């Protein structure tokens, strides 16, 4: 059995799931989608003895990035004081413009314009080895053009962002979205994972690949 653990903080008015992954007994943690109040995320993790080693973004919509720069600044201030390297932020390679553009990432419309960036833009199939954990990047365009999921095969964990929800999928009416592309991403890239893979979405409760294959009205697969 894997010793990889996943925790969740629900952030902001849009109830975005901010996840943190770590090995049991380790202080090193990966944060995924700091959706709001980055300083609060940092302080909560630090109070529990964690040190942020990487930040991952599933996509660049406002409710997943509003806390990014504040979290990055807090982590990097502590790293500089301790003589450590700055934290790296990762996002899909086609998400660069959406992260930067306040219209594309809908932050302007939401009332808090936010233009930001990742330090590293990753490709479909790329493996990341962070905080002692290996994650596979799965590009899942549809909700946004550059959206991606992160799969931890060892633990049977998929952090899915707004691609796949419990019996639902992400909306596709924002800039760079496409429902047809989203459904294909899910069926061709996610539904090939083992049925018992635990799915941790960007909003709401967790589910499994097998449950969604049978019950998701947008993309269920016939027996």
Protein backbone atom coordinates (compact mmCIF):
# COMPACT_ATOMS: atom_id res chain seq x y z
CA UNK A 1 0.00 0.00 0.00
CA UNK A 2 1.28 3.46 -0.92
CA UNK A 3 2.20 5.91 1.83
CA UNK A 4 1.20 8.90 -0.31
CA UNK A 5 -1.46 11.04 1.35
CA UNK A 6 -3.71 13.75 -0.07
CA UNK A 7 -5.39 16.54 1.87
CA UNK A 8 -7.82 19.24 0.86
CA UNK A 9 -8.59 22.85 1.71
CA UNK A 10 -11.74 24.38 0.22
CA UNK A 11 -10.93 27.93 -0.79
CA UNK A 12 -12.87 31.07 -1.65
CA UNK A 13 -16.36 31.97 -2.79
CA UNK A 14 -16.27 29.34 -5.54
CA UNK A 15 -15.39 26.54 -3.12
CA UNK A 16 -12.32 25.46 -5.05
CA UNK A 17 -10.52 22.36 -3.84
CA UNK A 18 -6.87 23.09 -3.10
CA UNK A 19 -5.06 19.79 -2.62
CA UNK A 20 -1.76 18.95 -0.99
CA UNK A 21 0.11 15.69 -1.52
CA UNK A 22 2.88 14.26 0.61
CA UNK A 23 4.41 11.01 1.81
CA UNK A 24 3.39 9.91 5.28
CA UNK A 25 6.05 11.11 7.69
CA UNK A 26 7.55 13.63 5.25
CA UNK A 27 7.47 17.40 5.64
CA UNK A 28 7.70 17.99 1.88
CA UNK A 29 4.39 18.80 0.21
CA UNK A 30 3.03 19.55 -3.28
CA UNK A 31 0.19 22.07 -3.51
CA UNK A 32 -2.32 21.86 -6.37
CA UNK A 33 -4.56 24.79 -7.40
CA UNK A 34 -4.18 27.48 -4.71
CA UNK A 35 -7.55 29.02 -5.54
CA UNK A 36 -7.57 31.88 -3.03
CA UNK A 37 -5.92 33.28 0.11
CA UNK A 38 -2.43 32.01 -0.62
CA UNK A 39 -1.04 33.27 2.68
CA UNK A 40 -3.67 31.26 4.54
CA UNK A 41 -2.70 28.13 2.61
CA UNK A 42 0.96 28.71 3.42
CA UNK A 43 0.34 29.38 7.11
CA UNK A 44 -1.94 26.35 7.52
CA UNK A 45 0.64 24.05 5.97
CA UNK A 46 3.48 25.57 7.97
CA UNK A 47 1.55 25.19 11.24
CA UNK A 48 1.30 21.49 10.45
CA UNK A 49 5.03 21.20 9.79
CA UNK A 50 4.90 21.13 5.98
CA UNK A 51 7.32 22.73 3.55
CA UNK A 52 5.97 23.51 0.06
CA UNK A 53 8.27 22.03 -2.58
CA UNK A 54 6.17 22.58 -5.72
CA UNK A 55 2.90 24.14 -6.87
CA UNK A 56 0.85 22.55 -9.66
CA UNK A 57 -1.96 24.13 -11.66
CA UNK A 58 -4.57 22.02 -13.41
CA UNK A 59 -5.62 25.08 -15.44
CA UNK A 60 -5.59 28.85 -15.30
CA UNK A 61 -9.11 29.96 -14.42
CA UNK A 62 -9.38 32.70 -11.81
CA UNK A 63 -10.78 30.48 -9.05
CA UNK A 64 -7.76 28.18 -9.28
CA UNK A 65 -5.06 30.88 -9.38
CA UNK A 66 -6.20 33.74 -7.17
CA UNK A 67 -4.01 32.48 -4.31
CA UNK A 68 -1.01 31.55 -6.44
CA UNK A 69 1.15 34.65 -6.29
CA UNK A 70 0.58 35.16 -2.57
CA UNK A 71 1.49 31.52 -1.86
CA UNK A 72 4.52 31.67 -4.13
CA UNK A 73 5.75 34.86 -2.46
CA UNK A 74 5.37 33.40 1.03
CA UNK A 75 7.16 30.18 0.13
CA UNK A 76 9.97 32.01 -1.65
CA UNK A 77 10.50 34.46 1.20
CA UNK A 78 10.99 31.55 3.58
CA UNK A 79 13.22 29.74 1.06
CA UNK A 80 15.43 32.80 0.62
CA UNK A 81 15.78 33.18 4.39
CA UNK A 82 16.87 29.54 4.64
CA UNK A 83 19.19 29.68 1.62
CA UNK A 84 16.99 27.34 -0.44
CA UNK A 85 15.94 27.41 -4.10
CA UNK A 86 12.67 29.18 -4.97
CA UNK A 87 9.54 27.06 -5.44
CA UNK A 88 8.58 26.09 -8.99
CA UNK A 89 5.03 26.43 -10.36
CA UNK A 90 3.93 23.96 -13.06
CA UNK A 91 1.12 24.25 -15.64
CA UNK A 92 0.18 22.75 -19.00
CA UNK A 93 2.21 24.01 -21.95
CA UNK A 94 -0.82 25.50 -23.72
CA UNK A 95 -2.03 27.43 -20.67
CA UNK A 96 0.56 30.20 -20.76
CA UNK A 97 -1.61 32.85 -22.45
CA UNK A 98 -4.71 32.05 -20.37
CA UNK A 99 -2.76 32.47 -17.14
CA UNK A 100 -1.54 35.87 -18.31
CA UNK A 101 -4.72 37.26 -19.87
CA UNK A 102 -7.36 38.53 -17.42
CA UNK A 103 -10.06 38.15 -20.06
CA UNK A 104 -9.21 34.58 -21.00
CA UNK A 105 -8.92 33.43 -17.39
CA UNK A 106 -12.18 35.25 -16.56
CA UNK A 107 -10.67 37.01 -13.53
CA UNK A 108 -11.61 40.42 -14.94
CA UNK A 109 -15.24 39.35 -15.29
CA UNK A 110 -15.14 37.90 -11.77
CA UNK A 111 -14.09 41.26 -10.35
CA UNK A 112 -10.48 40.53 -9.33
CA UNK A 113 -8.19 40.74 -12.36
CA UNK A 114 -5.30 38.32 -12.03
CA UNK A 115 -2.40 37.91 -14.44
CA UNK A 116 0.17 35.32 -13.44
CA UNK A 117 2.58 32.71 -14.79
CA UNK A 118 4.05 29.28 -14.24
CA UNK A 119 7.77 28.70 -13.96
CA UNK A 120 7.60 25.47 -15.95
CA UNK A 121 5.13 24.50 -18.67
CA UNK A 122 4.72 20.74 -18.96
CA UNK A 123 3.74 18.41 -21.80
CA UNK A 124 1.30 15.54 -22.07
CA UNK A 125 2.86 12.36 -20.71
CA UNK A 126 5.68 14.16 -18.91
CA UNK A 127 6.70 12.70 -15.56
CA UNK A 128 7.37 14.99 -12.64
CA UNK A 129 9.36 13.85 -9.62
CA UNK A 130 8.52 16.26 -6.83
CA UNK A 131 8.70 15.94 -3.04
CA UNK A 132 9.51 12.24 -3.45
CA UNK A 133 6.37 11.64 -5.53
CA UNK A 134 6.14 10.76 -9.23
CA UNK A 135 3.24 12.35 -11.10
CA UNK A 136 2.28 11.92 -14.74
CA UNK A 137 0.92 14.90 -16.66
CA UNK A 138 -2.23 14.05 -18.63
CA UNK A 139 -3.26 16.82 -21.01
CA UNK A 140 -7.06 17.09 -20.97
CA UNK A 141 -8.13 20.02 -23.17
CA UNK A 142 -11.78 20.97 -23.22
CA UNK A 143 -12.46 22.97 -20.08
CA UNK A 144 -9.50 25.09 -21.21
CA UNK A 145 -7.11 24.42 -24.07
CA UNK A 146 -4.15 23.85 -21.78
CA UNK A 147 -5.86 22.09 -18.90
CA UNK A 148 -4.30 18.96 -17.49
CA UNK A 149 -4.68 16.33 -14.77
CA UNK A 150 -1.98 14.83 -12.56
CA UNK A 151 -1.90 11.06 -12.08
CA UNK A 152 -0.04 9.39 -9.23
CA UNK A 153 -0.01 5.76 -10.37
CA UNK A 154 1.59 4.46 -7.19
CA UNK A 155 -1.31 5.70 -5.07
CA UNK A 156 -4.12 5.40 -7.62
CA UNK A 157 -4.80 9.14 -7.40
CA UNK A 158 -5.93 11.49 -10.18
CA UNK A 159 -6.10 15.22 -9.45
CA UNK A 160 -8.55 16.25 -12.16
CA UNK A 161 -9.13 19.98 -11.79
CA UNK A 162 -12.31 21.01 -13.60
CA UNK A 163 -12.09 18.30 -16.25
CA UNK A 164 -14.07 15.60 -14.44
CA UNK A 165 -16.44 15.95 -11.49
CA UNK A 166 -18.60 13.49 -9.61
CA UNK A 167 -21.24 12.66 -12.24
CA UNK A 168 -20.49 15.87 -14.12
CA UNK A 169 -17.81 17.64 -16.16
CA UNK A 170 -16.35 21.12 -16.33
CA UNK A 171 -18.18 23.82 -18.23
CA UNK A 172 -16.93 24.60 -21.71
CA UNK A 173 -18.41 28.02 -22.43
CA UNK A 174 -15.42 30.02 -21.22
CA UNK A 175 -12.60 31.09 -23.59
CA UNK A 176 -10.65 28.17 -25.15
CA UNK A 177 -13.29 25.65 -23.97
CA UNK A 178 -14.95 22.94 -26.09
CA UNK A 179 -17.45 20.35 -24.86
CA UNK A 180 -16.64 17.88 -27.63
CA UNK A 181 -12.94 18.14 -26.86
CA UNK A 182 -13.60 17.78 -23.13
CA UNK A 183 -15.63 14.60 -23.52
CA UNK A 184 -12.97 13.10 -25.80
CA UNK A 185 -10.28 13.97 -23.26
CA UNK A 186 -12.18 12.19 -20.52
CA UNK A 187 -13.07 9.11 -22.54
CA UNK A 188 -9.70 8.71 -24.26
CA UNK A 189 -7.28 9.91 -21.58
CA UNK A 190 -8.94 9.33 -18.20
CA UNK A 191 -11.31 6.40 -18.69
CA UNK A 192 -8.34 4.22 -19.68
CA UNK A 193 -7.05 4.47 -16.09
CA UNK A 194 -7.90 1.67 -13.63
CA UNK A 195 -11.50 1.73 -12.43
CA UNK A 196 -10.45 2.09 -8.79
CA UNK A 197 -8.46 5.26 -9.48
CA UNK A 198 -9.65 7.90 -7.00
CA UNK A 199 -10.56 11.15 -8.73
CA UNK A 200 -10.08 14.42 -6.85
CA UNK A 201 -11.91 17.19 -8.75
CA UNK A 202 -11.55 20.95 -8.62
CA UNK A 203 -14.91 21.34 -6.91
CA UNK A 204 -17.08 18.98 -4.90
CA UNK A 205 -16.47 15.47 -3.61
CA UNK A 206 -14.14 12.77 -4.83
CA UNK A 207 -15.23 9.89 -7.04
CA UNK A 208 -13.63 7.03 -8.99
CA UNK A 209 -12.95 6.39 -12.65
CA UNK A 210 -15.15 3.29 -12.57
CA UNK A 211 -18.09 5.17 -11.08
CA UNK A 212 -17.86 7.90 -13.71
CA UNK A 213 -17.59 5.40 -16.58
CA UNK A 214 -20.89 3.89 -15.45
CA UNK A 215 -22.79 6.92 -14.16
CA UNK A 216 -21.56 10.19 -15.64
CA UNK A 217 -24.36 11.47 -17.93
CA UNK A 218 -21.92 13.50 -20.04
CA UNK A 219 -19.40 10.82 -20.85
CA UNK A 220 -20.44 7.40 -19.47
CA UNK A 221 -19.16 4.43 -21.44
CA UNK A 222 -21.64 1.73 -22.49
CA UNK A 223 -20.93 -1.79 -21.25
